[in-house]
Amino acid sequence: MHLTIVNPNTTASMTHTIGEAARAVAAPGTVIEAVNPEHGPASIEGYYDEVHAIPGMLAEMRARPGADAFVIACFDDTGLEAARSLMDAPVIGIGEAAMHLATLVAGRFSVVTTLAVSVPALEHNVHKYGFSHRCGRVRSCEVPVLELEDPASGAYGLISAEISRAKTEDRAEAIVLGCAGMADLAARLSAEHGIPVIDGVAAAVKLAESLHALGLKTSKACGYAPPRPKAYRGMFAPAAVATDG
């Protein structure tokens, strides 16, 4: 299968890390393409960044109509509903994917994300996905997204300390890493803490492969129906959907 992973931010080095994490778990025969838009925020930290990342992300998807599935590599699941409406192939957000897998290996999990500004959006997603009774807490380690790539930032230690607090204070039996930029840390953190630590990129890749193997695609019956043809003006004119014929 051909799996396109879209990092909604514009930081190419992070896209490379995400792509490598995806290839490490992909099945033989799965071709991983990791891309990011040219236009948009360098990182997604809160509601304002999120809305400005969506147009570029959707454009990257529209440019790849032959993909068998798409993964949105931002834990906020940036633009997930719009992408599912736009594309025929399945679209999986790494946040939803990781939370689903957490419930299969633990009774209770906590999320460890980057900054406090992202916590409300993630709490909203926890509720929307129906995991409020399984999620102990959404925690922030107060490391900006782009500093995850800097060894001098001390990011690993801060994330690990937050996991320790989640185990004690939340009674967390598993941890979901709340940023695609943490993708390469999951195995090390799991070994250190002795509980499952779940990376959303890896989770989304395996779920995408499963949907493809089962021949399942996004339902177009109602909420994810294709966008209706209509005029989009100005800078959004390219987003318009052509009329049939």
Protein backbone atom coordinates (compact mmCIF):
# COMPACT_ATOMS: atom_id res chain seq x y z
CA MET A 1 0.00 0.00 0.00
CA HIS A 2 0.99 3.63 -0.41
CA LEU A 3 0.61 5.58 2.84
CA THR A 4 1.00 9.36 2.83
CA ILE A 5 1.85 10.94 6.16
CA VAL A 6 1.27 14.68 6.30
CA ASN A 7 2.99 16.73 8.96
CA PRO A 8 0.75 19.82 9.05
CA ASN A 9 3.55 22.13 10.12
CA THR A 10 6.31 23.35 7.81
CA THR A 11 9.36 22.01 9.66
CA ALA A 12 11.02 19.55 7.28
CA SER A 13 13.39 18.09 9.89
CA MET A 14 10.42 17.02 11.99
CA THR A 15 8.79 15.51 8.91
CA HIS A 16 11.95 13.45 8.37
CA THR A 17 11.83 12.16 11.96
CA ILE A 18 8.16 11.28 11.56
CA GLY A 19 8.84 9.44 8.30
CA GLU A 20 11.64 7.40 9.86
CA ALA A 21 9.42 6.45 12.81
CA ALA A 22 6.69 5.36 10.41
CA ARG A 23 9.05 3.25 8.28
CA ALA A 24 10.38 1.52 11.39
CA VAL A 25 6.98 -0.06 12.08
CA ALA A 26 5.51 -0.33 8.56
CA ALA A 27 4.88 -3.77 7.13
CA PRO A 28 6.84 -5.01 4.11
CA GLY A 29 5.17 -3.63 1.02
CA THR A 30 3.98 -0.44 2.70
CA VAL A 31 5.49 2.59 0.99
CA ILE A 32 5.74 5.57 3.33
CA GLU A 33 5.69 9.10 1.92
CA ALA A 34 6.16 11.82 4.55
CA VAL A 35 5.42 15.39 3.46
CA ASN A 36 4.70 18.82 4.88
CA PRO A 37 3.18 21.98 3.36
CA GLU A 38 5.31 24.91 2.24
CA HIS A 39 2.93 27.44 3.77
CA GLY A 40 1.80 27.57 7.39
CA PRO A 41 3.20 27.64 10.92
CA ALA A 42 6.57 26.09 11.82
CA SER A 43 4.88 24.27 14.69
CA ILE A 44 1.34 23.81 15.96
CA GLU A 45 0.85 25.01 19.51
CA GLY A 46 -2.76 25.91 20.20
CA TYR A 47 -5.86 26.90 18.28
CA TYR A 48 -4.39 29.79 16.28
CA ASP A 49 -1.58 27.72 14.77
CA GLU A 50 -3.96 24.86 14.07
CA VAL A 51 -6.37 26.79 11.87
CA HIS A 52 -3.54 28.23 9.78
CA ALA A 53 -2.04 24.78 9.22
CA ILE A 54 -5.16 23.21 7.74
CA PRO A 55 -5.23 24.73 4.21
CA GLY A 56 -1.66 23.66 3.46
CA MET A 57 -2.25 20.19 4.86
CA LEU A 58 -5.38 19.66 2.75
CA ALA A 59 -3.54 20.86 -0.35
CA GLU A 60 -0.86 18.21 0.21
CA MET A 61 -3.56 15.54 0.41
CA ARG A 62 -5.37 16.75 -2.70
CA ALA A 63 -2.08 16.56 -4.60
CA ARG A 64 -1.90 12.80 -3.85
CA PRO A 65 -5.20 11.25 -4.97
CA GLY A 66 -3.57 7.85 -5.47
CA ALA A 67 -2.65 7.28 -1.82
CA ASP A 68 -4.30 4.28 -0.16
CA ALA A 69 -4.52 6.08 3.19
CA PHE A 70 -3.42 9.28 4.90
CA VAL A 71 -2.08 9.98 8.37
CA ILE A 72 -2.25 13.43 9.95
CA ALA A 73 0.94 13.68 11.99
CA CYS A 74 -0.13 16.23 14.56
CA PHE A 75 -1.51 15.06 17.90
CA ASP A 76 -4.24 17.71 17.76
CA ASP A 77 -5.61 15.76 14.76
CA THR A 78 -5.49 19.03 12.86
CA GLY A 79 -8.25 19.30 10.25
CA LEU A 80 -9.18 15.64 10.60
CA GLU A 81 -12.88 15.99 9.86
CA ALA A 82 -12.29 18.22 6.83
CA ALA A 83 -9.70 15.78 5.48
CA ARG A 84 -12.09 12.83 5.86
CA SER A 85 -14.73 14.76 3.95
CA LEU A 86 -12.30 15.66 1.19
CA MET A 87 -10.49 12.37 0.57
CA ASP A 88 -11.86 9.02 -0.52
CA ALA A 89 -9.06 7.07 1.16
CA PRO A 90 -9.08 6.62 4.96
CA VAL A 91 -7.58 9.46 7.02
CA ILE A 92 -6.24 8.73 10.50
CA GLY A 93 -5.18 11.28 13.11
CA ILE A 94 -2.31 10.21 15.33
CA GLY A 95 -4.10 11.46 18.45
CA GLU A 96 -7.21 9.34 17.95
CA ALA A 97 -5.10 6.35 16.87
CA ALA A 98 -2.89 6.45 19.95
CA MET A 99 -5.82 6.78 22.34
CA HIS A 100 -7.58 3.81 20.75
CA LEU A 101 -4.51 1.61 21.15
CA ALA A 102 -4.00 2.78 24.73
CA THR A 103 -7.43 1.46 25.66
CA LEU A 104 -6.48 -1.96 24.27
CA VAL A 105 -3.46 -2.36 26.55
CA ALA A 106 -4.46 -0.47 29.69
CA GLY A 107 -7.51 0.39 31.73
CA ARG A 108 -6.37 3.96 32.25
CA PHE A 109 -3.97 6.19 30.35
CA SER A 110 -2.64 9.74 30.52
CA VAL A 111 -1.43 12.00 27.72
CA VAL A 112 1.87 13.86 27.95
CA THR A 113 2.06 16.74 25.49
CA THR A 114 4.31 19.76 24.96
CA LEU A 115 2.83 23.05 26.20
CA ALA A 116 -0.13 23.94 28.39
CA VAL A 117 -1.66 25.94 25.53
CA SER A 118 -2.35 22.63 23.76
CA VAL A 119 -4.06 20.97 26.72
CA PRO A 120 -7.62 22.34 26.21
CA ALA A 121 -7.74 21.20 22.56
CA LEU A 122 -6.52 17.74 23.51
CA GLU A 123 -8.99 17.50 26.39
CA HIS A 124 -11.73 18.34 23.90
CA ASN A 125 -10.55 15.52 21.64
CA VAL A 126 -10.43 13.06 24.53
CA HIS A 127 -14.08 13.85 25.21
CA LYS A 128 -15.06 13.83 21.53
CA TYR A 129 -13.52 10.41 20.98
CA GLY A 130 -15.31 8.98 24.01
CA PHE A 131 -12.24 8.36 26.19
CA SER A 132 -12.99 10.70 29.10
CA HIS A 133 -13.59 7.79 31.47
CA ARG A 134 -10.30 6.12 30.46
CA CYS A 135 -7.99 9.15 30.39
CA GLY A 136 -6.58 10.21 33.74
CA ARG A 137 -5.28 13.57 32.59
CA VAL A 138 -3.75 15.52 29.73
CA ARG A 139 -0.40 16.76 30.98
CA SER A 140 2.16 19.19 29.55
CA CYS A 141 5.91 18.98 30.04
CA GLU A 142 6.39 22.63 28.97
CA VAL A 143 8.79 21.91 26.10
CA PRO A 144 8.04 23.85 22.88
CA VAL A 145 7.54 21.57 19.88
CA LEU A 146 10.63 22.70 18.00
CA GLU A 147 12.84 22.18 21.06
CA LEU A 148 12.08 18.44 20.98
CA GLU A 149 14.75 18.23 18.26
CA ASP A 150 17.37 19.97 20.42
CA PRO A 151 19.31 17.58 22.70
CA ALA A 152 20.28 20.54 24.87
CA SER A 153 16.63 21.31 25.69
CA GLY A 154 16.39 18.51 28.24
CA ALA A 155 13.12 17.43 26.64
CA TYR A 156 13.56 13.72 27.35
CA GLY A 157 14.06 14.29 31.06
CA LEU A 158 11.06 16.62 31.31
CA ILE A 159 8.81 14.15 29.49
CA SER A 160 10.05 11.29 31.65
CA ALA A 161 9.41 13.25 34.84
CA GLU A 162 5.86 13.98 33.72
CA ILE A 163 5.31 10.28 33.05
CA SER A 164 6.46 9.52 36.60
CA ARG A 165 3.90 11.99 37.94
CA ALA A 166 1.17 10.50 35.74
CA LYS A 167 1.85 7.03 37.12
CA THR A 168 1.61 8.27 40.70
CA GLU A 169 -1.02 11.01 40.55
CA ASP A 170 -3.27 9.76 37.72
CA ARG A 171 -2.80 6.02 38.31
CA ALA A 172 -1.91 5.85 34.61
CA GLU A 173 -1.25 2.34 33.33
CA ALA A 174 -0.13 3.57 29.90
CA ILE A 175 1.11 6.84 28.46
CA VAL A 176 0.20 8.44 25.15
CA LEU A 177 2.83 10.81 23.79
CA GLY A 178 1.02 13.97 22.74
CA CYS A 179 3.21 15.21 19.89
CA ALA A 180 4.49 13.70 16.65
CA GLY A 181 7.89 15.16 17.48
CA MET A 182 8.15 12.64 20.33
CA ALA A 183 7.85 9.68 17.96
CA ASP A 184 11.41 8.46 18.44
CA LEU A 185 11.20 8.46 22.26
CA ALA A 186 8.44 5.91 22.90
CA ALA A 187 10.49 2.70 23.16
CA ARG A 188 13.09 4.24 25.49
CA LEU A 189 10.44 5.75 27.76
CA SER A 190 8.48 2.50 27.88
CA ALA A 191 11.58 0.57 28.92
CA GLU A 192 12.41 3.16 31.58
CA HIS A 193 8.95 3.28 33.15
CA GLY A 194 7.81 -0.31 32.68
CA ILE A 195 4.45 0.58 31.13
CA PRO A 196 3.27 0.95 27.52
CA VAL A 197 4.26 4.33 26.04
CA ILE A 198 2.42 4.85 22.78
CA ASP A 199 3.57 6.95 19.86
CA GLY A 200 0.71 8.13 17.69
CA VAL A 201 2.67 7.94 14.43
CA ALA A 202 3.34 4.22 14.87
CA ALA A 203 -0.23 3.62 16.03
CA ALA A 204 -1.68 5.41 13.02
CA VAL A 205 0.53 3.53 10.55
CA LYS A 206 -0.60 0.15 11.84
CA LEU A 207 -4.27 1.17 11.90
CA ALA A 208 -3.99 2.52 8.34
CA GLU A 209 -2.52 -0.79 7.22
CA SER A 210 -5.38 -2.64 8.93
CA LEU A 211 -8.06 -0.54 7.26
CA HIS A 212 -6.41 -1.05 3.88
CA ALA A 213 -6.15 -4.81 4.39
CA LEU A 214 -9.84 -4.98 5.32
CA GLY A 215 -10.90 -2.78 2.41
CA LEU A 216 -12.48 -0.21 4.73
CA LYS A 217 -12.85 3.42 3.72
CA THR A 218 -14.44 6.50 5.29
CA SER A 219 -18.22 6.46 5.12
CA LYS A 220 -19.62 9.21 2.90
CA ALA A 221 -23.20 8.73 4.08
CA CYS A 222 -23.60 11.89 6.13
CA GLY A 223 -21.07 13.99 8.04
CA TYR A 224 -18.10 12.99 5.89
CA ALA A 225 -19.97 13.46 2.62
CA PRO A 226 -17.85 15.13 -0.10
CA PRO A 227 -17.85 18.94 -0.10
CA ARG A 228 -20.59 20.46 -2.24
CA PRO A 229 -19.43 22.39 -5.31
CA LYS A 230 -19.50 26.12 -4.69
CA ALA A 231 -17.40 29.20 -5.26
CA TYR A 232 -14.40 29.82 -3.01
CA ARG A 233 -13.02 33.32 -3.51
CA GLY A 234 -9.70 35.03 -3.09
CA MET A 235 -6.84 33.10 -1.53
CA PHE A 236 -9.11 30.10 -0.96
CA ALA A 237 -10.16 29.72 -4.61
CA PRO A 238 -7.98 26.58 -5.05
CA ALA A 239 -9.97 24.84 -2.31
CA ALA A 240 -13.17 24.80 -4.37
CA VAL A 241 -14.47 21.42 -5.46
CA ALA A 242 -15.21 21.14 -9.19
CA THR A 243 -18.72 20.36 -10.37
CA ASP A 244 -19.36 16.93 -11.90
CA GLY A 245 -18.61 16.80 -15.60
